[in-house]
Amino acid sequence: MGRQTTRTQVSLGKRVALFGCLVDAMTMDETVRRIEDIVRSGGPIQHCALNAAGLVAMQDDERLRQIVQRCGHVSADGQSLVWASRALRQQVPERVAGPDLFMALIRSAAERGWTVYLLGAEQTVLWAARTELLRRYPDLQIVGVQNGYFDESESDRIVQEIRGSGARMLFVALPTPMKEYWIADHLEELGVPFCMGVGGTFDIVSGHITRAPIWMQSAGLEWVYRLFQEPKRMWRRYLVGNTRFATMFVRELLSNIGPNGNRRS
């Protein structure tokens, strides 16, 4: 089981409950400012970019659910969550997409001289992502990289390497729930103020995967684009997962309707 972690004393913004999970109801700019405060404070805090697939996974994975509930910051990484929040009168202001937040934080790190460590993905993808980030932000200090192909016996070595690097931000590009497990298990030992799981973001930055057009992202159709890119790998996650999320939403909506048919306040 993951170790219990403590939260840094950084003021919380507005948090709303979605499907039994507390989500930080912040815009992208507000999220970036709060994470900058976290880095300055010394942390440690684990960040979770939560989308519909993650919420569905939490229904079957108690360990994942507990980890997400303990995260110091949880962003709504999915347009479906934003729409659901509004229908449920929780009002998450906008989607904070994981890849966009990652790039905003990389830009912030470069401007402020904060060191970063990149963990995860295949070696070629990882190196290409590192090269692209340094091309965009020559002042960025990447103090270490490690691909995601390691087993638990190597974790102690990797943790000590990250701790010794003095990184202020750690980005972990492993699949869900591996990234959440790994960060939670080692958060206190890493000595990094801010740790964020970024899933396939390195693939996007490196150019190995392209994102959907902006209009598809805004329309909540990014999953369709990803499904056509990798149908064999993504069909179950999106088709089965989206159906389960829709069922969860209807159940939650009905639970907010009182016996007289009116919405509960």
C-alpha atoms as a PDB file:
ATOM      1  CA  MET A   1       0.000   0.000   0.000  1.00  0.00           C
ATOM      2  CA  GLY A   2       1.130   3.589  -0.604  1.00  0.00           C
ATOM      3  CA  ARG A   3       2.511   5.513   2.323  1.00  0.00           C
ATOM      4  CA  GLN A   4       0.393   8.177   3.978  1.00  0.00           C
ATOM      5  CA  THR A   5       1.648  11.596   2.935  1.00  0.00           C
ATOM      6  CA  THR A   6       1.367  15.010   4.451  1.00  0.00           C
ATOM      7  CA  ARG A   7       0.219  18.133   2.669  1.00  0.00           C
ATOM      8  CA  THR A   8       2.270  21.249   2.550  1.00  0.00           C
ATOM      9  CA  GLN A   9       0.735  24.307   4.178  1.00  0.00           C
ATOM     10  CA  VAL A  10      -0.409  26.080   1.036  1.00  0.00           C
ATOM     11  CA  SER A  11      -3.861  27.608   1.062  1.00  0.00           C
ATOM     12  CA  LEU A  12      -6.478  25.604  -0.794  1.00  0.00           C
ATOM     13  CA  GLY A  13      -8.715  27.202  -3.337  1.00  0.00           C
ATOM     14  CA  LYS A  14     -12.293  26.153  -3.893  1.00  0.00           C
ATOM     15  CA  ARG A  15     -12.704  22.380  -3.960  1.00  0.00           C
ATOM     16  CA  VAL A  16     -15.818  20.653  -5.229  1.00  0.00           C
ATOM     17  CA  ALA A  17     -17.012  17.075  -4.860  1.00  0.00           C
ATOM     18  CA  LEU A  18     -17.426  15.121  -8.087  1.00  0.00           C
ATOM     19  CA  PHE A  19     -18.444  11.485  -7.826  1.00  0.00           C
ATOM     20  CA  GLY A  20     -17.018  11.309  -4.324  1.00  0.00           C
ATOM     21  CA  CYS A  21     -13.700  12.925  -5.262  1.00  0.00           C
ATOM     22  CA  LEU A  22     -12.563  16.428  -4.333  1.00  0.00           C
ATOM     23  CA  VAL A  23     -11.457  18.429  -7.372  1.00  0.00           C
ATOM     24  CA  ASP A  24      -9.810  21.857  -7.342  1.00  0.00           C
ATOM     25  CA  ALA A  25     -12.192  24.195  -9.183  1.00  0.00           C
ATOM     26  CA  MET A  26      -9.566  26.441 -10.760  1.00  0.00           C
ATOM     27  CA  THR A  27      -8.733  27.871 -14.154  1.00  0.00           C
ATOM     28  CA  MET A  28      -5.435  27.036 -15.830  1.00  0.00           C
ATOM     29  CA  ASP A  29      -3.877  30.322 -14.680  1.00  0.00           C
ATOM     30  CA  GLU A  30      -5.058  29.793 -11.100  1.00  0.00           C
ATOM     31  CA  THR A  31      -3.699  26.251 -11.141  1.00  0.00           C
ATOM     32  CA  VAL A  32      -0.284  27.360 -12.342  1.00  0.00           C
ATOM     33  CA  ARG A  33      -0.103  30.086  -9.683  1.00  0.00           C
ATOM     34  CA  ARG A  34      -1.035  27.648  -6.936  1.00  0.00           C
ATOM     35  CA  ILE A  35       1.557  25.112  -8.071  1.00  0.00           C
ATOM     36  CA  GLU A  36       4.177  27.861  -8.131  1.00  0.00           C
ATOM     37  CA  ASP A  37       3.260  28.560  -4.493  1.00  0.00           C
ATOM     38  CA  ILE A  38       3.647  24.847  -3.734  1.00  0.00           C
ATOM     39  CA  VAL A  39       7.136  24.761  -5.253  1.00  0.00           C
ATOM     40  CA  ARG A  40       8.151  27.833  -3.262  1.00  0.00           C
ATOM     41  CA  SER A  41       6.788  26.291  -0.056  1.00  0.00           C
ATOM     42  CA  GLY A  42       8.879  23.144  -0.431  1.00  0.00           C
ATOM     43  CA  GLY A  43       5.982  20.650  -0.559  1.00  0.00           C
ATOM     44  CA  PRO A  44       5.854  17.758  -1.008  1.00  0.00           C
ATOM     45  CA  ILE A  45       2.597  17.529  -2.910  1.00  0.00           C
ATOM     46  CA  GLN A  46       1.324  14.979  -5.410  1.00  0.00           C
ATOM     47  CA  HIS A  47      -0.775  16.321  -8.252  1.00  0.00           C
ATOM     48  CA  CYS A  48      -3.398  14.315 -10.128  1.00  0.00           C
ATOM     49  CA  ALA A  49      -4.814  15.262 -13.536  1.00  0.00           C
ATOM     50  CA  LEU A  50      -8.187  13.545 -13.271  1.00  0.00           C
ATOM     51  CA  ASN A  51     -10.294  12.612 -16.280  1.00  0.00           C
ATOM     52  CA  ALA A  52     -13.308  10.374 -16.881  1.00  0.00           C
ATOM     53  CA  ALA A  53     -11.128   7.286 -17.341  1.00  0.00           C
ATOM     54  CA  GLY A  54      -9.427   7.960 -14.010  1.00  0.00           C
ATOM     55  CA  LEU A  55     -12.743   8.354 -12.221  1.00  0.00           C
ATOM     56  CA  VAL A  56     -13.939   5.066 -13.681  1.00  0.00           C
ATOM     57  CA  ALA A  57     -10.699   3.329 -12.644  1.00  0.00           C
ATOM     58  CA  MET A  58     -11.153   4.609  -9.081  1.00  0.00           C
ATOM     59  CA  GLN A  59     -14.440   2.704  -8.820  1.00  0.00           C
ATOM     60  CA  ASP A  60     -12.562  -0.614  -9.123  1.00  0.00           C
ATOM     61  CA  ASP A  61      -9.277   0.345  -7.461  1.00  0.00           C
ATOM     62  CA  GLU A  62      -9.504   1.284  -3.786  1.00  0.00           C
ATOM     63  CA  ARG A  63      -5.811   2.040  -3.556  1.00  0.00           C
ATOM     64  CA  LEU A  64      -6.024   4.478  -6.452  1.00  0.00           C
ATOM     65  CA  ARG A  65      -9.105   6.094  -4.953  1.00  0.00           C
ATOM     66  CA  GLN A  66      -7.332   6.678  -1.639  1.00  0.00           C
ATOM     67  CA  ILE A  67      -4.249   8.096  -3.356  1.00  0.00           C
ATOM     68  CA  VAL A  68      -6.291  10.571  -5.411  1.00  0.00           C
ATOM     69  CA  GLN A  69      -8.220  11.617  -2.307  1.00  0.00           C
ATOM     70  CA  ARG A  70      -4.915  12.397  -0.561  1.00  0.00           C
ATOM     71  CA  CYS A  71      -3.427  14.346  -3.477  1.00  0.00           C
ATOM     72  CA  GLY A  72      -2.597  17.929  -2.626  1.00  0.00           C
ATOM     73  CA  HIS A  73      -4.017  19.131  -5.923  1.00  0.00           C
ATOM     74  CA  VAL A  74      -6.496  17.507  -8.334  1.00  0.00           C
ATOM     75  CA  SER A  75      -7.212  19.126 -11.708  1.00  0.00           C
ATOM     76  CA  ALA A  76     -10.165  18.414 -13.984  1.00  0.00           C
ATOM     77  CA  ASP A  77      -8.342  16.984 -17.004  1.00  0.00           C
ATOM     78  CA  GLY A  78     -11.347  16.228 -19.184  1.00  0.00           C
ATOM     79  CA  GLN A  79     -14.107  18.288 -20.766  1.00  0.00           C
ATOM     80  CA  SER A  80     -16.657  15.684 -19.662  1.00  0.00           C
ATOM     81  CA  LEU A  81     -15.795  16.423 -16.023  1.00  0.00           C
ATOM     82  CA  VAL A  82     -16.346  20.135 -16.571  1.00  0.00           C
ATOM     83  CA  TRP A  83     -19.733  19.546 -18.194  1.00  0.00           C
ATOM     84  CA  ALA A  84     -20.737  17.070 -15.492  1.00  0.00           C
ATOM     85  CA  SER A  85     -19.743  19.524 -12.765  1.00  0.00           C
ATOM     86  CA  ARG A  86     -21.985  22.204 -14.245  1.00  0.00           C
ATOM     87  CA  ALA A  87     -24.937  19.827 -14.561  1.00  0.00           C
ATOM     88  CA  LEU A  88     -24.372  18.840 -10.930  1.00  0.00           C
ATOM     89  CA  ARG A  89     -24.083  22.525  -9.900  1.00  0.00           C
ATOM     90  CA  GLN A  90     -20.445  22.239  -8.837  1.00  0.00           C
ATOM     91  CA  GLN A  91     -19.078  24.617 -11.486  1.00  0.00           C
ATOM     92  CA  VAL A  92     -15.532  23.630 -12.321  1.00  0.00           C
ATOM     93  CA  PRO A  93     -14.589  26.723 -14.400  1.00  0.00           C
ATOM     94  CA  GLU A  94     -12.626  25.048 -17.202  1.00  0.00           C
ATOM     95  CA  ARG A  95     -10.654  22.037 -18.277  1.00  0.00           C
ATOM     96  CA  VAL A  96      -7.036  21.972 -17.113  1.00  0.00           C
ATOM     97  CA  ALA A  97      -5.586  19.514 -19.617  1.00  0.00           C
ATOM     98  CA  GLY A  98      -2.536  17.619 -18.370  1.00  0.00           C
ATOM     99  CA  PRO A  99      -0.303  18.287 -21.418  1.00  0.00           C
ATOM    100  CA  ASP A 100      -1.174  22.009 -21.364  1.00  0.00           C
ATOM    101  CA  LEU A 101      -0.500  22.254 -17.627  1.00  0.00           C
ATOM    102  CA  PHE A 102       2.795  20.424 -18.087  1.00  0.00           C
ATOM    103  CA  MET A 103       3.970  22.922 -20.700  1.00  0.00           C
ATOM    104  CA  ALA A 104       2.825  25.881 -18.593  1.00  0.00           C
ATOM    105  CA  LEU A 105       4.819  24.535 -15.634  1.00  0.00           C
ATOM    106  CA  ILE A 106       7.874  23.874 -17.807  1.00  0.00           C
ATOM    107  CA  ARG A 107       7.724  27.489 -18.994  1.00  0.00           C
ATOM    108  CA  SER A 108       7.396  28.660 -15.381  1.00  0.00           C
ATOM    109  CA  ALA A 109      10.363  26.500 -14.318  1.00  0.00           C
ATOM    110  CA  ALA A 110      12.512  27.907 -17.119  1.00  0.00           C
ATOM    111  CA  GLU A 111      11.630  31.489 -16.187  1.00  0.00           C
ATOM    112  CA  ARG A 112      12.278  30.961 -12.467  1.00  0.00           C
ATOM    113  CA  GLY A 113      15.334  28.735 -12.668  1.00  0.00           C
ATOM    114  CA  TRP A 114      13.550  25.778 -11.082  1.00  0.00           C
ATOM    115  CA  THR A 115      15.065  22.386 -11.813  1.00  0.00           C
ATOM    116  CA  VAL A 116      12.989  19.529 -13.253  1.00  0.00           C
ATOM    117  CA  TYR A 117      13.355  15.768 -13.566  1.00  0.00           C
ATOM    118  CA  LEU A 118      11.667  13.676 -16.278  1.00  0.00           C
ATOM    119  CA  LEU A 119      10.729  10.067 -15.488  1.00  0.00           C
ATOM    120  CA  GLY A 120       8.961   7.614 -17.796  1.00  0.00           C
ATOM    121  CA  ALA A 121       8.218   6.667 -21.412  1.00  0.00           C
ATOM    122  CA  GLU A 122      10.520   4.802 -23.807  1.00  0.00           C
ATOM    123  CA  GLN A 123      14.134   5.966 -23.979  1.00  0.00           C
ATOM    124  CA  THR A 124      13.809   7.352 -27.517  1.00  0.00           C
ATOM    125  CA  VAL A 125      10.596   9.202 -26.624  1.00  0.00           C
ATOM    126  CA  LEU A 126      12.090  10.533 -23.387  1.00  0.00           C
ATOM    127  CA  TRP A 127      15.219  11.828 -25.099  1.00  0.00           C
ATOM    128  CA  ALA A 128      13.225  13.402 -27.926  1.00  0.00           C
ATOM    129  CA  ALA A 129      10.955  15.121 -25.389  1.00  0.00           C
ATOM    130  CA  ARG A 130      13.979  16.426 -23.482  1.00  0.00           C
ATOM    131  CA  THR A 131      15.516  17.747 -26.697  1.00  0.00           C
ATOM    132  CA  GLU A 132      12.282  19.493 -27.717  1.00  0.00           C
ATOM    133  CA  LEU A 133      11.800  21.094 -24.291  1.00  0.00           C
ATOM    134  CA  LEU A 134      15.341  22.482 -24.352  1.00  0.00           C
ATOM    135  CA  ARG A 135      14.802  23.752 -27.888  1.00  0.00           C
ATOM    136  CA  ARG A 136      11.724  25.683 -26.758  1.00  0.00           C
ATOM    137  CA  TYR A 137      13.176  26.779 -23.422  1.00  0.00           C
ATOM    138  CA  PRO A 138      17.002  26.998 -23.588  1.00  0.00           C
ATOM    139  CA  ASP A 139      17.149  28.189 -19.976  1.00  0.00           C
ATOM    140  CA  LEU A 140      15.299  25.137 -18.666  1.00  0.00           C
ATOM    141  CA  GLN A 141      17.353  23.102 -16.189  1.00  0.00           C
ATOM    142  CA  ILE A 142      16.611  19.390 -16.662  1.00  0.00           C
ATOM    143  CA  VAL A 143      18.685  17.763 -13.937  1.00  0.00           C
ATOM    144  CA  GLY A 144      17.890  14.167 -14.780  1.00  0.00           C
ATOM    145  CA  VAL A 145      15.962  11.733 -16.959  1.00  0.00           C
ATOM    146  CA  GLN A 146      15.001   8.096 -16.500  1.00  0.00           C
ATOM    147  CA  ASN A 147      12.913   5.973 -18.847  1.00  0.00           C
ATOM    148  CA  GLY A 148       9.860   4.147 -17.558  1.00  0.00           C
ATOM    149  CA  TYR A 149      11.146   0.639 -18.174  1.00  0.00           C
ATOM    150  CA  PHE A 150      12.283  -0.338 -14.701  1.00  0.00           C
ATOM    151  CA  ASP A 151      10.975  -2.680 -12.037  1.00  0.00           C
ATOM    152  CA  GLU A 152      10.397  -2.035  -8.353  1.00  0.00           C
ATOM    153  CA  SER A 153      13.843  -3.388  -7.444  1.00  0.00           C
ATOM    154  CA  GLU A 154      15.334  -0.331  -9.160  1.00  0.00           C
ATOM    155  CA  SER A 155      13.033   2.202  -7.482  1.00  0.00           C
ATOM    156  CA  ASP A 156      15.326   2.893  -4.521  1.00  0.00           C
ATOM    157  CA  ARG A 157      18.179   3.784  -6.875  1.00  0.00           C
ATOM    158  CA  ILE A 158      15.926   6.034  -8.935  1.00  0.00           C
ATOM    159  CA  VAL A 159      14.489   7.724  -5.848  1.00  0.00           C
ATOM    160  CA  GLN A 160      17.983   8.469  -4.543  1.00  0.00           C
ATOM    161  CA  GLU A 161      19.038   9.804  -7.947  1.00  0.00           C
ATOM    162  CA  ILE A 162      16.031  12.131  -8.060  1.00  0.00           C
ATOM    163  CA  ARG A 163      16.601  13.249  -4.476  1.00  0.00           C
ATOM    164  CA  GLY A 164      20.271  13.913  -5.171  1.00  0.00           C
ATOM    165  CA  SER A 165      19.439  15.902  -8.296  1.00  0.00           C
ATOM    166  CA  GLY A 166      17.771  18.666  -6.280  1.00  0.00           C
ATOM    167  CA  ALA A 167      14.797  18.729  -8.646  1.00  0.00           C
ATOM    168  CA  ARG A 168      11.989  21.108  -7.717  1.00  0.00           C
ATOM    169  CA  MET A 169       9.464  19.458 -10.061  1.00  0.00           C
ATOM    170  CA  LEU A 170       9.136  15.797 -11.028  1.00  0.00           C
ATOM    171  CA  PHE A 171       7.040  14.696 -14.006  1.00  0.00           C
ATOM    172  CA  VAL A 172       6.203  10.990 -14.209  1.00  0.00           C
ATOM    173  CA  ALA A 173       5.096   9.633 -17.594  1.00  0.00           C
ATOM    174  CA  LEU A 174       3.797   6.198 -16.616  1.00  0.00           C
ATOM    175  CA  PRO A 175       0.333   4.740 -17.283  1.00  0.00           C
ATOM    176  CA  THR A 176      -2.527   4.996 -14.794  1.00  0.00           C
ATOM    177  CA  PRO A 177      -2.446   3.754 -12.057  1.00  0.00           C
ATOM    178  CA  MET A 178       1.312   3.062 -12.095  1.00  0.00           C
ATOM    179  CA  LYS A 179       2.236   6.745 -11.950  1.00  0.00           C
ATOM    180  CA  GLU A 180      -0.119   7.426  -9.041  1.00  0.00           C
ATOM    181  CA  TYR A 181       1.157   4.375  -7.140  1.00  0.00           C
ATOM    182  CA  TRP A 182       4.822   5.200  -7.701  1.00  0.00           C
ATOM    183  CA  ILE A 183       4.591   8.835  -6.684  1.00  0.00           C
ATOM    184  CA  ALA A 184       2.499   8.033  -3.595  1.00  0.00           C
ATOM    185  CA  ASP A 185       4.897   5.278  -2.509  1.00  0.00           C
ATOM    186  CA  HIS A 186       7.957   7.526  -2.728  1.00  0.00           C
ATOM    187  CA  LEU A 187       6.679  11.083  -2.257  1.00  0.00           C
ATOM    188  CA  GLU A 188       8.307  11.710   1.119  1.00  0.00           C
ATOM    189  CA  GLU A 189      11.642  10.167   0.091  1.00  0.00           C
ATOM    190  CA  LEU A 190      11.978  12.037  -3.212  1.00  0.00           C
ATOM    191  CA  GLY A 191      12.580  15.446  -1.668  1.00  0.00           C
ATOM    192  CA  VAL A 192      10.758  17.122  -4.583  1.00  0.00           C
ATOM    193  CA  PRO A 193       8.197  19.843  -3.756  1.00  0.00           C
ATOM    194  CA  PHE A 194       5.860  19.047  -6.659  1.00  0.00           C
ATOM    195  CA  CYS A 195       5.291  15.673  -8.327  1.00  0.00           C
ATOM    196  CA  MET A 196       2.890  15.238 -11.228  1.00  0.00           C
ATOM    197  CA  GLY A 197       1.854  12.204 -13.245  1.00  0.00           C
ATOM    198  CA  VAL A 198       1.716  13.159 -16.928  1.00  0.00           C
ATOM    199  CA  GLY A 199       0.796   9.896 -18.665  1.00  0.00           C
ATOM    200  CA  GLY A 200       1.484  10.133 -22.405  1.00  0.00           C
ATOM    201  CA  THR A 201       2.585  13.768 -22.389  1.00  0.00           C
ATOM    202  CA  PHE A 202       6.191  12.972 -23.334  1.00  0.00           C
ATOM    203  CA  ASP A 203       4.871  11.213 -26.449  1.00  0.00           C
ATOM    204  CA  ILE A 204       3.040  14.420 -27.401  1.00  0.00           C
ATOM    205  CA  VAL A 205       5.983  16.724 -26.694  1.00  0.00           C
ATOM    206  CA  SER A 206       8.348  14.466 -28.651  1.00  0.00           C
ATOM    207  CA  GLY A 207       5.986  14.395 -31.641  1.00  0.00           C
ATOM    208  CA  HIS A 208       5.373  10.650 -31.456  1.00  0.00           C
ATOM    209  CA  ILE A 209       1.667  11.342 -30.875  1.00  0.00           C
ATOM    210  CA  THR A 210      -0.299  14.361 -32.111  1.00  0.00           C
ATOM    211  CA  ARG A 211      -3.139  15.970 -30.184  1.00  0.00           C
ATOM    212  CA  ALA A 212      -6.602  16.518 -31.569  1.00  0.00           C
ATOM    213  CA  PRO A 213      -7.391  19.885 -33.177  1.00  0.00           C
ATOM    214  CA  ILE A 214      -8.459  22.602 -30.745  1.00  0.00           C
ATOM    215  CA  TRP A 215     -12.078  22.423 -31.898  1.00  0.00           C
ATOM    216  CA  MET A 216     -12.215  18.709 -31.033  1.00  0.00           C
ATOM    217  CA  GLN A 217     -10.660  19.354 -27.625  1.00  0.00           C
ATOM    218  CA  SER A 218     -13.206  22.101 -26.909  1.00  0.00           C
ATOM    219  CA  ALA A 219     -16.066  19.874 -28.060  1.00  0.00           C
ATOM    220  CA  GLY A 220     -14.984  17.060 -25.756  1.00  0.00           C
ATOM    221  CA  LEU A 221     -14.039  14.863 -28.730  1.00  0.00           C
ATOM    222  CA  GLU A 222     -10.314  14.428 -28.107  1.00  0.00           C
ATOM    223  CA  TRP A 223     -10.998  10.823 -27.133  1.00  0.00           C
ATOM    224  CA  VAL A 224     -12.374  10.158 -30.649  1.00  0.00           C
ATOM    225  CA  TYR A 225      -9.137  11.414 -32.179  1.00  0.00           C
ATOM    226  CA  ARG A 226      -7.071   9.219 -29.847  1.00  0.00           C
ATOM    227  CA  LEU A 227      -9.288   6.220 -30.591  1.00  0.00           C
ATOM    228  CA  PHE A 228      -8.606   6.548 -34.327  1.00  0.00           C
ATOM    229  CA  GLN A 229      -4.881   6.906 -33.640  1.00  0.00           C
ATOM    230  CA  GLU A 230      -4.587   3.746 -31.537  1.00  0.00           C
ATOM    231  CA  PRO A 231      -7.817   1.732 -31.838  1.00  0.00           C
ATOM    232  CA  LYS A 232      -6.425  -1.560 -30.503  1.00  0.00           C
ATOM    233  CA  ARG A 233      -5.024   0.048 -27.362  1.00  0.00           C
ATOM    234  CA  MET A 234      -7.712   2.651 -26.723  1.00  0.00           C
ATOM    235  CA  TRP A 235     -11.058   1.050 -27.647  1.00  0.00           C
ATOM    236  CA  ARG A 236     -11.727  -0.452 -24.249  1.00  0.00           C
ATOM    237  CA  ARG A 237     -10.597   2.618 -22.308  1.00  0.00           C
ATOM    238  CA  TYR A 238     -12.846   4.957 -24.268  1.00  0.00           C
ATOM    239  CA  LEU A 239     -15.859   2.939 -25.371  1.00  0.00           C
ATOM    240  CA  VAL A 240     -16.290   0.886 -22.222  1.00  0.00           C
ATOM    241  CA  GLY A 241     -14.944   3.607 -19.926  1.00  0.00           C
ATOM    242  CA  ASN A 242     -17.110   6.352 -21.408  1.00  0.00           C
ATOM    243  CA  THR A 243     -20.207   4.187 -21.041  1.00  0.00           C
ATOM    244  CA  ARG A 244     -19.429   3.588 -17.388  1.00  0.00           C
ATOM    245  CA  PHE A 245     -18.778   7.294 -16.837  1.00  0.00           C
ATOM    246  CA  ALA A 246     -22.130   8.165 -18.422  1.00  0.00           C
ATOM    247  CA  THR A 247     -23.808   5.677 -16.082  1.00  0.00           C
ATOM    248  CA  MET A 248     -22.045   7.228 -13.096  1.00  0.00           C
ATOM    249  CA  PHE A 249     -23.177  10.686 -14.179  1.00  0.00           C
ATOM    250  CA  VAL A 250     -26.840   9.680 -14.553  1.00  0.00           C
ATOM    251  CA  ARG A 251     -26.762   7.987 -11.158  1.00  0.00           C
ATOM    252  CA  GLU A 252     -25.227  11.086  -9.557  1.00  0.00           C
ATOM    253  CA  LEU A 253     -27.732  13.359 -11.269  1.00  0.00           C
ATOM    254  CA  LEU A 254     -30.682  11.276 -10.091  1.00  0.00           C
ATOM    255  CA  SER A 255     -29.339  11.222  -6.544  1.00  0.00           C
ATOM    256  CA  ASN A 256     -29.602  15.032  -6.545  1.00  0.00           C
ATOM    257  CA  ILE A 257     -33.318  14.959  -7.323  1.00  0.00           C
ATOM    258  CA  GLY A 258     -35.587  15.026  -4.304  1.00  0.00           C
ATOM    259  CA  PRO A 259     -38.811  13.023  -3.823  1.00  0.00           C
ATOM    260  CA  ASN A 260     -40.878  15.915  -5.227  1.00  0.00           C
ATOM    261  CA  GLY A 261     -38.876  15.876  -8.482  1.00  0.00           C
ATOM    262  CA  ASN A 262     -36.971  19.101  -7.771  1.00  0.00           C
ATOM    263  CA  ARG A 263     -33.206  19.404  -7.682  1.00  0.00           C
ATOM    264  CA  ARG A 264     -31.695  19.373  -4.211  1.00  0.00           C
ATOM    265  CA  SER A 265     -29.751  22.552  -3.518  1.00  0.00           C
END
